[in-house]
Amino acid sequence: MTTNTAPVRAGGARALRPPFGVVLAGVLVAALSLLPLVFVITTAVQIGWDQSIALILRPRVGELLGNTVLLVALAVPLSAVLGVGGAWLVERTALAGAGFWGAVLAMPLAIPAFVNSYAWVSAIPSLAGLGSGVLLSTLSYFPLVYLPVRATLAGLDPALEQSAASLGRGPVRVFFGTVLPQLRLALLGGSLLVGLHLLSEYGAFALIRFDTFTTAIMDQYRSTFNGSAGSMLAGVLTLLCLLMLVLESRARGRARYARIGSGTAAPPSRVHLHGWQLPAQLGLAALAVLALGVPAVVIGGWLVFGGAGVWQAPELVPSLLQTLGLALGGGVLTVVAAFPLSWLAVRHPGRLSRLLERTNYFTSSMPGIVLALALVSVSLTFVPAIYQTTLLLLVAYALLFLPRALVPLQAGIAQAPPLLEEAAQALGRPPLRAFLGVTLRLVAPATAAGMALVFLAIAGELTATLLLSPIGVQTLATRFWSLSSEIDFAGAAPYALLLILLSAPMTYLLFRQSTTARSTRRTTTKAATE
């Protein structure tokens, strides 16, 4: 490699041809990511057009479609209202205890949706149907809108708001006419995440006996499993996922909001709530009680009721150890799979790298049950030896959670100057030693961050684990599900608590990221004025 004449693109990306091995690894990962889509298409072809149409047009499919569409149509707007309203109260009003409420509104993410459902069913056994599904999913997923919207609000230059206020517009008109348009990207992105979670959620809706495509596919698979009918349900679910991605992309458009020009961003002027202070406090308190108080009280109550005996269950420690082992193994495999894709995206950007990256993002947005069914079908047909093995389960985890490793890895690689690696090679180090000794060390913090995000996601994963876990392997999530399905709520309580404790670090990390924009803006403002 000649370090003196190699052209360099903007942002430090090199224009040299990417190494063949890296490209091959990226293509293999992307090919594996396409398995769910290939599975759906090939199944439809094998069944035949006429039978496929007949299976899709069954009354049962219409019922599931109605349930799923109504759930998304109700829960996503409610989550958006709660997320945007909470972020605005914390960032743009003189809310008493804004720092406290800012953290509280992010905490529901630490409680898996199926654990939340377990708590509510324990408290109110009659919960069932669409209304209960909307309630539980909204309480579980509104922070997915709150966190990106809050981060965007914290980073906005308030000059436009101040200009609108100087023209005589009240706080409500300023919000809807000036602030809300600037939140569109964060709002749509958070709403998309909520919608995709609704399509893939199984445990929360199964506990309240609310049928969706995911619960129907799982029920068929675990009972008689009509392969054709189940595959067509998976196909409809995949189409819904694609439709949601397309709608979000079209609504997002190409508009961007950014501050340009000289000057310093002033701190935002907060709206005085006056007589609305008490209603705001009561509303936030009610939301905290519903989203956090009910699970805390119920789980605590079951732990007290069960006494020390529930902690002495022989399966508790093995489930914890198996969860940690699978999460660690899945985290390592996911980071290894994400590295070539991240490397190509940063060091060799182009059509190929963008195509490979988007392929993996598409697969990760699909429900875990579709991916699990695809891996079951492929393994039984081509590689029966890996069916119901730990390897197949780890591959599923890697494909599901690859973007959680891609984002921090790309950021880390972008901050590792290629010239340092080239300098090491110029001093006589072989390319591999130069990479391991220079670049990999610089990317190590980003690698650890990506692995931590994947680790925590795997620890609470339920659907794919239920379908793919080897015989005798139980994680905290699957053991919790087994006990709660048997109405042994006291026995399930320790598993619920451990799941929450494992999810808490990721929630804290996401909360810290949502406040980074504000800290960065204040630091920049201070530096500019000194």
Protein backbone atom coordinates (compact mmCIF):
# COMPACT_ATOMS: atom_id res chain seq x y z
CA MET A 1 0.00 0.00 0.00
CA THR A 2 1.45 3.43 -0.93
CA THR A 3 0.55 5.90 1.74
CA ASN A 4 1.70 9.00 -0.13
CA THR A 5 -0.50 8.83 -3.20
CA ALA A 6 -3.68 7.20 -1.94
CA PRO A 7 -6.57 9.61 -2.52
CA VAL A 8 -8.79 10.38 0.41
CA ARG A 9 -12.47 11.32 0.26
CA ALA A 10 -14.28 13.83 2.43
CA GLY A 11 -14.63 12.73 6.02
CA GLY A 12 -11.49 10.58 5.94
CA ALA A 13 -12.97 7.79 3.81
CA ARG A 14 -10.37 6.29 1.49
CA ALA A 15 -11.03 5.92 -2.22
CA LEU A 16 -8.96 2.71 -2.52
CA ARG A 17 -10.72 -0.50 -3.44
CA PRO A 18 -11.91 -2.24 -0.27
CA PRO A 19 -10.21 -5.51 0.70
CA PHE A 20 -11.84 -8.55 -0.86
CA GLY A 21 -12.12 -10.36 2.47
CA VAL A 22 -14.01 -7.47 4.06
CA VAL A 23 -16.40 -7.22 1.12
CA LEU A 24 -16.99 -10.98 1.15
CA ALA A 25 -17.76 -10.93 4.88
CA GLY A 26 -20.19 -8.04 4.43
CA VAL A 27 -21.95 -9.79 1.54
CA LEU A 28 -22.30 -13.01 3.57
CA VAL A 29 -23.85 -11.14 6.50
CA ALA A 30 -26.25 -9.33 4.16
CA ALA A 31 -27.17 -12.62 2.47
CA LEU A 32 -28.05 -14.15 5.83
CA SER A 33 -30.11 -11.05 6.60
CA LEU A 34 -32.25 -11.71 3.52
CA LEU A 35 -33.32 -15.16 4.74
CA PRO A 36 -36.68 -13.99 6.18
CA LEU A 37 -37.69 -12.33 2.91
CA VAL A 38 -36.48 -15.30 0.86
CA PHE A 39 -38.37 -17.62 3.19
CA VAL A 40 -41.65 -15.75 2.68
CA ILE A 41 -41.25 -15.56 -1.11
CA THR A 42 -40.18 -19.18 -1.64
CA THR A 43 -42.95 -20.47 0.61
CA ALA A 44 -45.55 -18.54 -1.39
CA VAL A 45 -44.10 -19.92 -4.65
CA GLN A 46 -44.14 -23.49 -3.34
CA ILE A 47 -47.72 -23.20 -2.14
CA GLY A 48 -48.92 -21.74 -5.41
CA TRP A 49 -50.69 -18.52 -6.23
CA ASP A 50 -54.26 -19.81 -5.85
CA GLN A 51 -53.70 -21.46 -2.48
CA SER A 52 -51.71 -18.49 -1.22
CA ILE A 53 -54.57 -16.14 -2.05
CA ALA A 54 -57.05 -18.52 -0.42
CA LEU A 55 -55.00 -18.67 2.77
CA ILE A 56 -54.55 -14.90 2.90
CA LEU A 57 -58.25 -14.17 2.29
CA ARG A 58 -59.47 -16.37 5.16
CA PRO A 59 -61.75 -14.69 7.73
CA ARG A 60 -59.15 -15.43 10.42
CA VAL A 61 -56.56 -13.34 8.57
CA GLY A 62 -59.06 -10.49 8.28
CA GLU A 63 -59.66 -10.63 12.04
CA LEU A 64 -55.93 -10.57 12.79
CA LEU A 65 -55.38 -7.76 10.30
CA GLY A 66 -58.15 -5.69 11.90
CA ASN A 67 -56.72 -6.24 15.39
CA THR A 68 -53.20 -5.35 14.31
CA VAL A 69 -54.17 -2.27 12.31
CA LEU A 70 -56.39 -0.93 15.09
CA LEU A 71 -53.66 -1.55 17.64
CA VAL A 72 -51.12 0.37 15.61
CA ALA A 73 -53.61 3.12 14.70
CA LEU A 74 -54.42 3.75 18.38
CA ALA A 75 -51.21 2.98 20.26
CA VAL A 76 -48.78 4.84 17.98
CA PRO A 77 -50.59 8.24 18.17
CA LEU A 78 -51.08 7.87 21.93
CA SER A 79 -47.39 7.09 22.37
CA ALA A 80 -46.53 10.08 20.20
CA VAL A 81 -48.71 12.42 22.26
CA LEU A 82 -47.23 11.20 25.53
CA GLY A 83 -43.67 11.27 24.20
CA VAL A 84 -43.86 14.72 22.63
CA GLY A 85 -45.88 16.17 25.52
CA GLY A 86 -43.47 14.81 28.13
CA ALA A 87 -40.41 16.04 26.22
CA TRP A 88 -41.90 19.52 25.77
CA LEU A 89 -42.80 19.81 29.46
CA VAL A 90 -39.29 18.80 30.50
CA GLU A 91 -37.34 20.86 27.94
CA ARG A 92 -39.47 23.92 27.23
CA THR A 93 -41.53 24.72 30.33
CA ALA A 94 -40.78 25.86 33.87
CA LEU A 95 -41.88 22.46 35.17
CA ALA A 96 -41.04 21.92 38.80
CA GLY A 97 -38.67 18.97 39.13
CA ALA A 98 -37.98 18.83 35.40
CA GLY A 99 -34.77 16.84 35.92
CA PHE A 100 -36.58 14.24 38.01
CA TRP A 101 -39.46 13.88 35.58
CA GLY A 102 -37.02 13.72 32.65
CA ALA A 103 -35.51 10.55 34.11
CA VAL A 104 -38.85 9.07 35.20
CA LEU A 105 -40.30 9.31 31.69
CA ALA A 106 -37.44 7.18 30.33
CA MET A 107 -37.69 4.47 33.00
CA PRO A 108 -40.54 2.39 31.48
CA LEU A 109 -38.10 1.15 28.83
CA ALA A 110 -36.38 -0.87 31.56
CA ILE A 111 -39.54 -2.98 31.97
CA PRO A 112 -40.05 -5.49 29.12
CA ALA A 113 -43.56 -5.25 27.68
CA PHE A 114 -44.39 -8.84 28.62
CA VAL A 115 -43.33 -8.15 32.22
CA ASN A 116 -45.55 -5.07 32.25
CA SER A 117 -48.43 -7.17 30.94
CA TYR A 118 -47.79 -9.80 33.62
CA ALA A 119 -48.00 -7.13 36.32
CA TRP A 120 -51.26 -5.69 35.02
CA VAL A 121 -52.86 -9.11 34.54
CA SER A 122 -51.86 -9.99 38.10
CA ALA A 123 -53.53 -6.82 39.35
CA ILE A 124 -56.59 -6.98 37.06
CA PRO A 125 -57.13 -10.56 35.80
CA SER A 126 -60.02 -9.49 33.56
CA LEU A 127 -57.77 -7.42 31.27
CA ALA A 128 -58.24 -8.55 27.69
CA GLY A 129 -58.84 -7.29 24.17
CA LEU A 130 -57.93 -4.27 22.12
CA GLY A 131 -58.30 -1.63 24.83
CA SER A 132 -55.97 -3.50 27.17
CA GLY A 133 -53.47 -4.01 24.35
CA VAL A 134 -53.45 -0.29 23.58
CA LEU A 135 -53.03 0.60 27.26
CA LEU A 136 -50.15 -1.79 27.90
CA SER A 137 -48.29 -1.09 24.66
CA THR A 138 -48.59 2.68 25.12
CA LEU A 139 -47.25 2.51 28.68
CA SER A 140 -44.38 0.30 27.55
CA TYR A 141 -43.34 2.06 24.34
CA PHE A 142 -44.02 5.80 24.65
CA PRO A 143 -40.39 6.40 25.79
CA LEU A 144 -39.29 5.35 22.28
CA VAL A 145 -40.83 8.63 21.12
CA TYR A 146 -39.95 10.64 24.21
CA LEU A 147 -36.19 10.04 24.09
CA PRO A 148 -35.46 11.11 20.47
CA VAL A 149 -37.90 14.03 20.68
CA ARG A 150 -36.30 15.25 23.90
CA ALA A 151 -32.84 14.95 22.36
CA THR A 152 -34.00 16.98 19.35
CA LEU A 153 -35.63 19.63 21.53
CA ALA A 154 -32.46 19.93 23.60
CA GLY A 155 -30.40 20.55 20.47
CA LEU A 156 -32.72 23.01 18.72
CA ASP A 157 -31.68 26.63 18.44
CA PRO A 158 -34.54 28.51 20.17
CA ALA A 159 -34.07 31.60 17.97
CA LEU A 160 -37.00 30.61 15.75
CA GLU A 161 -39.25 30.16 18.78
CA GLN A 162 -38.19 33.52 20.17
CA SER A 163 -38.83 35.17 16.84
CA ALA A 164 -42.30 33.65 16.63
CA ALA A 165 -43.06 34.75 20.20
CA SER A 166 -41.90 38.29 19.40
CA LEU A 167 -44.54 38.42 16.67
CA GLY A 168 -47.24 37.98 19.31
CA ARG A 169 -47.82 34.25 19.00
CA GLY A 170 -48.73 32.42 22.19
CA PRO A 171 -46.98 29.28 23.47
CA VAL A 172 -49.50 26.96 21.80
CA ARG A 173 -49.12 28.58 18.36
CA VAL A 174 -45.33 28.67 18.75
CA PHE A 175 -45.29 24.98 19.56
CA PHE A 176 -47.52 23.81 16.71
CA GLY A 177 -46.27 26.32 14.13
CA THR A 178 -42.55 26.46 14.92
CA VAL A 179 -41.39 23.68 17.24
CA LEU A 180 -43.40 20.70 16.04
CA PRO A 181 -42.24 20.90 12.38
CA GLN A 182 -38.63 20.73 13.60
CA LEU A 183 -39.46 17.58 15.58
CA ARG A 184 -40.82 15.72 12.57
CA LEU A 185 -37.81 13.46 11.99
CA ALA A 186 -37.51 12.44 15.66
CA LEU A 187 -41.27 12.02 15.99
CA LEU A 188 -41.58 9.85 12.88
CA GLY A 189 -38.54 7.80 13.81
CA GLY A 190 -39.81 7.16 17.34
CA SER A 191 -43.30 6.35 16.07
CA LEU A 192 -41.81 3.88 13.58
CA LEU A 193 -40.01 2.11 16.42
CA VAL A 194 -43.26 1.89 18.38
CA GLY A 195 -45.09 0.47 15.36
CA LEU A 196 -42.42 -2.15 14.68
CA HIS A 197 -42.46 -3.22 18.33
CA LEU A 198 -46.23 -3.60 18.14
CA LEU A 199 -45.94 -5.85 15.09
CA SER A 200 -43.34 -8.09 16.72
CA GLU A 201 -44.60 -8.23 20.34
CA TYR A 202 -45.82 -11.62 21.47
CA GLY A 203 -45.75 -12.06 25.25
CA ALA A 204 -47.59 -8.90 26.25
CA PHE A 205 -50.56 -9.62 23.98
CA ALA A 206 -50.67 -13.36 24.64
CA LEU A 207 -51.10 -12.74 28.37
CA ILE A 208 -54.17 -10.56 27.79
CA ARG A 209 -55.57 -12.90 25.13
CA PHE A 210 -55.40 -10.33 22.36
CA ASP A 211 -54.76 -11.96 19.00
CA THR A 212 -52.30 -10.42 16.55
CA PHE A 213 -50.34 -11.96 13.67
CA THR A 214 -47.41 -12.73 15.96
CA THR A 215 -49.50 -14.51 18.60
CA ALA A 216 -51.37 -16.47 15.90
CA ILE A 217 -48.14 -17.60 14.22
CA MET A 218 -46.69 -18.67 17.55
CA ASP A 219 -49.85 -20.55 18.53
CA GLN A 220 -49.87 -22.46 15.23
CA TYR A 221 -46.20 -23.28 15.48
CA ARG A 222 -46.41 -24.57 19.05
CA SER A 223 -49.56 -26.66 18.51
CA THR A 224 -50.27 -28.29 15.15
CA PHE A 225 -48.39 -25.78 12.99
CA ASN A 226 -49.91 -25.73 9.56
CA GLY A 227 -46.79 -24.74 7.57
CA SER A 228 -48.65 -23.14 4.70
CA ALA A 229 -51.05 -21.14 6.87
CA GLY A 230 -48.32 -20.04 9.26
CA SER A 231 -46.03 -18.99 6.42
CA MET A 232 -48.77 -16.90 4.82
CA LEU A 233 -49.42 -15.19 8.15
CA ALA A 234 -45.70 -14.45 8.31
CA GLY A 235 -45.91 -13.07 4.77
CA VAL A 236 -48.73 -10.69 5.67
CA LEU A 237 -46.80 -9.59 8.76
CA THR A 238 -43.74 -8.90 6.61
CA LEU A 239 -45.83 -6.81 4.20
CA LEU A 240 -47.16 -4.77 7.11
CA CYS A 241 -43.61 -4.15 8.24
CA LEU A 242 -42.58 -3.05 4.75
CA LEU A 243 -45.62 -0.79 4.48
CA MET A 244 -44.75 0.88 7.77
CA LEU A 245 -41.16 1.49 6.64
CA VAL A 246 -42.34 2.99 3.34
CA LEU A 247 -44.89 5.25 5.01
CA GLU A 248 -42.30 6.54 7.48
CA SER A 249 -39.81 7.19 4.68
CA ARG A 250 -42.34 9.10 2.58
CA ALA A 251 -43.55 11.13 5.56
CA ARG A 252 -39.97 11.98 6.50
CA GLY A 253 -39.20 13.31 3.04
CA ARG A 254 -35.99 15.24 2.43
CA ALA A 255 -36.58 18.21 4.69
CA ARG A 256 -33.91 18.91 7.33
CA TYR A 257 -33.68 21.59 9.99
CA ALA A 258 -30.29 22.98 10.87
CA ARG A 259 -28.93 26.26 12.15
CA ILE A 260 -26.37 27.92 9.89
CA GLY A 261 -24.53 31.21 10.07
CA SER A 262 -22.58 33.02 12.77
CA GLY A 263 -23.68 33.73 16.27
CA THR A 264 -24.32 31.80 19.44
CA ALA A 265 -27.32 29.67 20.31
CA ALA A 266 -29.10 31.28 23.23
CA PRO A 267 -30.63 29.16 25.98
CA PRO A 268 -34.35 28.53 25.43
CA SER A 269 -36.89 30.62 27.27
CA ARG A 270 -39.15 28.35 29.28
CA VAL A 271 -42.91 28.72 29.24
CA HIS A 272 -44.39 29.52 32.65
CA LEU A 273 -47.15 27.04 33.43
CA HIS A 274 -48.91 29.20 36.05
CA GLY A 275 -52.21 27.46 36.77
CA TRP A 276 -51.21 24.47 34.66
CA GLN A 277 -48.35 23.53 36.97
CA LEU A 278 -50.53 21.35 39.22
CA PRO A 279 -52.35 19.55 36.36
CA ALA A 280 -48.99 18.88 34.71
CA GLN A 281 -47.58 17.42 37.92
CA LEU A 282 -50.66 15.28 38.46
CA GLY A 283 -50.64 14.04 34.87
CA LEU A 284 -46.98 13.05 35.05
CA ALA A 285 -47.53 11.41 38.42
CA ALA A 286 -50.46 9.41 37.05
CA LEU A 287 -48.38 8.29 34.08
CA ALA A 288 -45.53 7.25 36.39
CA VAL A 289 -47.92 5.27 38.60
CA LEU A 290 -49.40 3.43 35.61
CA ALA A 291 -46.11 2.73 33.83
CA LEU A 292 -43.84 2.17 36.83
CA GLY A 293 -45.88 1.99 40.01
CA VAL A 294 -48.13 -0.90 39.01
CA PRO A 295 -45.26 -3.20 37.93
CA ALA A 296 -43.18 -2.26 40.99
CA VAL A 297 -46.00 -2.86 43.47
CA VAL A 298 -47.16 -6.09 41.84
CA ILE A 299 -43.70 -7.61 41.48
CA GLY A 300 -42.81 -6.54 45.02
CA GLY A 301 -46.07 -7.99 46.28
CA TRP A 302 -45.46 -11.35 44.62
CA LEU A 303 -41.91 -11.46 45.99
CA VAL A 304 -43.20 -10.84 49.50
CA PHE A 305 -45.97 -13.41 49.02
CA GLY A 306 -43.55 -16.03 47.72
CA GLY A 307 -41.01 -15.37 50.46
CA ALA A 308 -37.49 -16.74 50.38
CA GLY A 309 -38.68 -19.87 48.59
CA VAL A 310 -39.06 -18.17 45.21
CA TRP A 311 -35.36 -17.26 45.27
CA GLN A 312 -34.42 -20.87 45.97
CA ALA A 313 -35.96 -22.27 42.78
CA PRO A 314 -33.44 -24.67 41.23
CA GLU A 315 -33.90 -23.14 37.76
CA LEU A 316 -33.18 -19.55 38.80
CA VAL A 317 -29.37 -19.56 38.81
CA PRO A 318 -29.03 -21.78 35.68
CA SER A 319 -31.45 -19.49 33.81
CA LEU A 320 -29.45 -16.45 34.84
CA LEU A 321 -26.16 -18.05 33.81
CA GLN A 322 -27.56 -19.26 30.49
CA THR A 323 -28.97 -15.79 29.82
CA LEU A 324 -25.61 -14.20 30.52
CA GLY A 325 -23.80 -16.77 28.39
CA LEU A 326 -26.13 -16.40 25.41
CA ALA A 327 -26.09 -12.61 25.70
CA LEU A 328 -22.29 -12.57 25.82
CA GLY A 329 -21.93 -15.00 22.91
CA GLY A 330 -24.56 -13.16 20.88
CA GLY A 331 -22.91 -9.83 21.62
CA VAL A 332 -19.52 -11.05 20.40
CA LEU A 333 -20.97 -12.63 17.25
CA THR A 334 -23.03 -9.53 16.44
CA VAL A 335 -20.07 -7.19 16.81
CA VAL A 336 -17.90 -9.45 14.64
CA ALA A 337 -20.64 -9.52 11.97
CA ALA A 338 -21.14 -5.76 12.18
CA PHE A 339 -17.47 -4.85 11.84
CA PRO A 340 -17.02 -5.41 8.07
CA LEU A 341 -20.27 -3.59 7.34
CA SER A 342 -19.24 -0.65 9.53
CA TRP A 343 -15.77 -0.61 7.99
CA LEU A 344 -17.15 -0.47 4.46
CA ALA A 345 -19.67 2.23 5.37
CA VAL A 346 -17.01 4.53 6.86
CA ARG A 347 -13.79 3.78 4.96
CA HIS A 348 -15.29 2.83 1.58
CA PRO A 349 -18.70 4.53 1.24
CA GLY A 350 -20.58 3.83 -1.94
CA ARG A 351 -23.51 1.99 -3.43
CA LEU A 352 -22.34 -1.42 -2.25
CA SER A 353 -21.81 -0.37 1.36
CA ARG A 354 -25.16 1.45 1.46
CA LEU A 355 -26.96 -1.57 -0.01
CA LEU A 356 -25.38 -3.96 2.49
CA GLU A 357 -26.18 -1.67 5.40
CA ARG A 358 -29.81 -1.09 4.39
CA THR A 359 -30.33 -4.82 3.94
CA ASN A 360 -29.43 -5.43 7.56
CA TYR A 361 -31.55 -2.55 8.84
CA PHE A 362 -34.52 -3.96 6.94
CA THR A 363 -34.08 -7.42 8.43
CA SER A 364 -33.72 -6.10 11.97
CA SER A 365 -36.98 -4.22 11.59
CA MET A 366 -38.87 -7.44 10.85
CA PRO A 367 -40.58 -9.32 13.68
CA GLY A 368 -38.37 -11.86 15.40
CA ILE A 369 -40.88 -14.63 14.79
CA VAL A 370 -40.51 -14.28 10.99
CA LEU A 371 -36.74 -14.52 11.28
CA ALA A 372 -37.03 -17.51 13.62
CA LEU A 373 -39.37 -19.35 11.23
CA ALA A 374 -36.99 -18.68 8.34
CA LEU A 375 -34.04 -20.09 10.29
CA VAL A 376 -36.09 -23.13 11.33
CA SER A 377 -37.04 -23.81 7.71
CA VAL A 378 -33.53 -23.28 6.33
CA SER A 379 -31.83 -25.36 9.02
CA LEU A 380 -34.24 -28.30 8.67
CA THR A 381 -33.97 -28.25 4.87
CA PHE A 382 -30.24 -27.66 4.35
CA VAL A 383 -28.36 -28.06 7.65
CA PRO A 384 -30.39 -30.26 10.02
CA ALA A 385 -27.41 -30.63 12.35
CA ILE A 386 -27.71 -27.03 13.57
CA TYR A 387 -31.47 -27.12 14.24
CA GLN A 388 -32.19 -26.34 17.90
CA THR A 389 -28.55 -25.60 18.62
CA THR A 390 -26.98 -22.67 20.37
CA LEU A 391 -25.28 -21.65 17.12
CA LEU A 392 -28.60 -21.15 15.33
CA LEU A 393 -29.95 -19.12 18.23
CA LEU A 394 -26.86 -16.91 18.27
CA VAL A 395 -27.19 -16.32 14.51
CA ALA A 396 -30.80 -15.21 15.08
CA TYR A 397 -29.68 -12.78 17.78
CA ALA A 398 -26.98 -11.36 15.52
CA LEU A 399 -29.41 -10.74 12.65
CA LEU A 400 -32.05 -9.24 14.94
CA PHE A 401 -29.78 -6.83 16.78
CA LEU A 402 -27.09 -6.01 14.21
CA PRO A 403 -28.00 -2.27 13.98
CA ARG A 404 -27.37 -1.89 17.73
CA ALA A 405 -23.74 -2.70 17.00
CA LEU A 406 -23.52 -0.93 13.62
CA VAL A 407 -24.27 2.55 14.96
CA PRO A 408 -21.57 2.78 17.67
CA LEU A 409 -19.03 0.88 15.53
CA GLN A 410 -19.44 3.29 12.63
CA ALA A 411 -18.97 6.22 14.99
CA GLY A 412 -15.84 4.63 16.45
CA ILE A 413 -14.28 3.77 13.09
CA ALA A 414 -14.98 7.30 11.82
CA GLN A 415 -12.95 8.66 14.75
CA ALA A 416 -9.95 6.38 14.06
CA PRO A 417 -7.74 8.21 11.51
CA PRO A 418 -6.59 5.88 8.70
CA LEU A 419 -3.24 7.67 8.60
CA LEU A 420 -2.26 6.18 11.96
CA GLU A 421 -2.67 2.67 10.62
CA GLU A 422 -0.77 3.61 7.46
CA ALA A 423 2.02 5.08 9.55
CA ALA A 424 2.33 1.81 11.46
CA GLN A 425 2.58 -0.08 8.17
CA ALA A 426 5.21 2.39 6.94
CA LEU A 427 7.25 1.50 10.04
CA GLY A 428 7.27 -2.14 8.98
CA ARG A 429 4.24 -3.65 10.69
CA PRO A 430 2.19 -6.08 8.59
CA PRO A 431 -1.33 -4.82 7.75
CA LEU A 432 -3.01 -7.18 10.22
CA ARG A 433 -0.72 -6.19 13.09
CA ALA A 434 -1.18 -2.52 12.23
CA PHE A 435 -4.93 -2.93 12.28
CA LEU A 436 -4.96 -4.85 15.56
CA GLY A 437 -2.43 -2.61 17.27
CA VAL A 438 -3.75 0.77 16.14
CA THR A 439 -7.25 0.86 14.70
CA LEU A 440 -8.81 -1.87 16.79
CA ARG A 441 -7.50 -0.28 19.99
CA LEU A 442 -9.01 3.07 19.02
CA VAL A 443 -12.35 1.43 18.18
CA ALA A 444 -12.39 -0.65 21.39
CA PRO A 445 -14.71 1.73 23.36
CA ALA A 446 -17.25 1.79 20.50
CA THR A 447 -16.99 -1.99 20.21
CA ALA A 448 -17.71 -2.35 23.92
CA ALA A 449 -20.69 0.01 23.65
CA GLY A 450 -22.16 -1.95 20.74
CA MET A 451 -21.63 -5.24 22.53
CA ALA A 452 -23.31 -3.87 25.66
CA LEU A 453 -26.39 -2.76 23.70
CA VAL A 454 -26.68 -6.16 22.02
CA PHE A 455 -26.05 -7.98 25.31
CA LEU A 456 -28.92 -6.19 27.02
CA ALA A 457 -31.29 -6.69 24.06
CA ILE A 458 -30.60 -10.43 24.01
CA ALA A 459 -31.11 -10.74 27.76
CA GLY A 460 -34.77 -9.74 27.39
CA GLU A 461 -35.58 -11.35 24.02
CA LEU A 462 -38.49 -13.79 24.14
CA THR A 463 -40.06 -14.74 20.79
CA ALA A 464 -37.05 -16.00 18.81
CA THR A 465 -35.67 -17.67 21.95
CA LEU A 466 -38.89 -19.62 22.47
CA LEU A 467 -38.72 -20.98 18.93
CA LEU A 468 -35.00 -21.61 18.55
CA SER A 469 -33.54 -22.38 21.99
CA PRO A 470 -32.00 -25.86 22.32
CA ILE A 471 -33.75 -28.45 24.47
CA GLY A 472 -32.91 -27.86 28.12
CA VAL A 473 -31.82 -24.24 27.61
CA GLN A 474 -33.92 -21.65 29.40
CA THR A 475 -33.23 -17.95 29.73
CA LEU A 476 -34.71 -15.59 32.26
CA ALA A 477 -37.28 -14.51 29.67
CA THR A 478 -38.35 -18.03 28.65
CA ARG A 479 -38.45 -19.29 32.25
CA PHE A 480 -40.47 -16.25 33.26
CA TRP A 481 -42.83 -16.95 30.37
CA SER A 482 -43.22 -20.59 31.34
CA LEU A 483 -44.12 -19.74 34.95
CA SER A 484 -46.44 -16.84 34.09
CA SER A 485 -48.24 -19.02 31.52
CA GLU A 486 -48.84 -21.54 34.30
CA ILE A 487 -50.31 -18.72 36.47
CA ASP A 488 -47.42 -19.14 38.92
CA PHE A 489 -47.07 -15.40 39.32
CA ALA A 490 -45.09 -15.63 42.57
CA GLY A 491 -42.58 -17.99 40.99
CA ALA A 492 -42.21 -15.66 37.99
CA ALA A 493 -41.54 -12.55 40.11
CA PRO A 494 -37.77 -13.11 40.64
CA TYR A 495 -37.29 -13.57 36.92
CA ALA A 496 -39.24 -10.37 36.24
CA LEU A 497 -37.07 -8.44 38.68
CA LEU A 498 -33.84 -9.77 37.18
CA LEU A 499 -35.04 -8.89 33.66
CA ILE A 500 -35.69 -5.32 34.79
CA LEU A 501 -32.29 -5.07 36.46
CA LEU A 502 -30.58 -6.30 33.30
CA SER A 503 -32.52 -3.79 31.17
CA ALA A 504 -31.81 -0.83 33.46
CA PRO A 505 -28.25 -0.10 32.16
CA MET A 506 -29.42 0.21 28.55
CA THR A 507 -32.23 2.50 29.62
CA TYR A 508 -29.75 4.68 31.49
CA LEU A 509 -27.46 4.77 28.46
CA LEU A 510 -30.30 5.84 26.17
CA PHE A 511 -31.36 8.50 28.67
CA ARG A 512 -27.82 9.87 28.83
CA GLN A 513 -27.65 10.00 25.05
CA SER A 514 -30.89 12.00 24.96
CA THR A 515 -29.31 14.64 27.20
CA THR A 516 -26.02 14.84 25.30
CA ALA A 517 -27.37 17.40 22.83
CA ARG A 518 -28.20 19.83 25.61
CA SER A 519 -24.79 19.45 27.25
CA THR A 520 -23.01 19.86 23.92
CA ARG A 521 -25.01 22.99 23.09
CA ARG A 522 -24.26 24.57 26.46
CA THR A 523 -20.54 23.79 26.17
CA THR A 524 -20.42 25.24 22.66
CA THR A 525 -22.30 28.34 23.74
CA LYS A 526 -20.01 28.91 26.69
CA ALA A 527 -16.89 28.46 24.55
CA ALA A 528 -18.19 30.87 21.92
CA THR A 529 -18.92 33.61 24.41
CA GLU A 530 -15.59 33.45 26.26
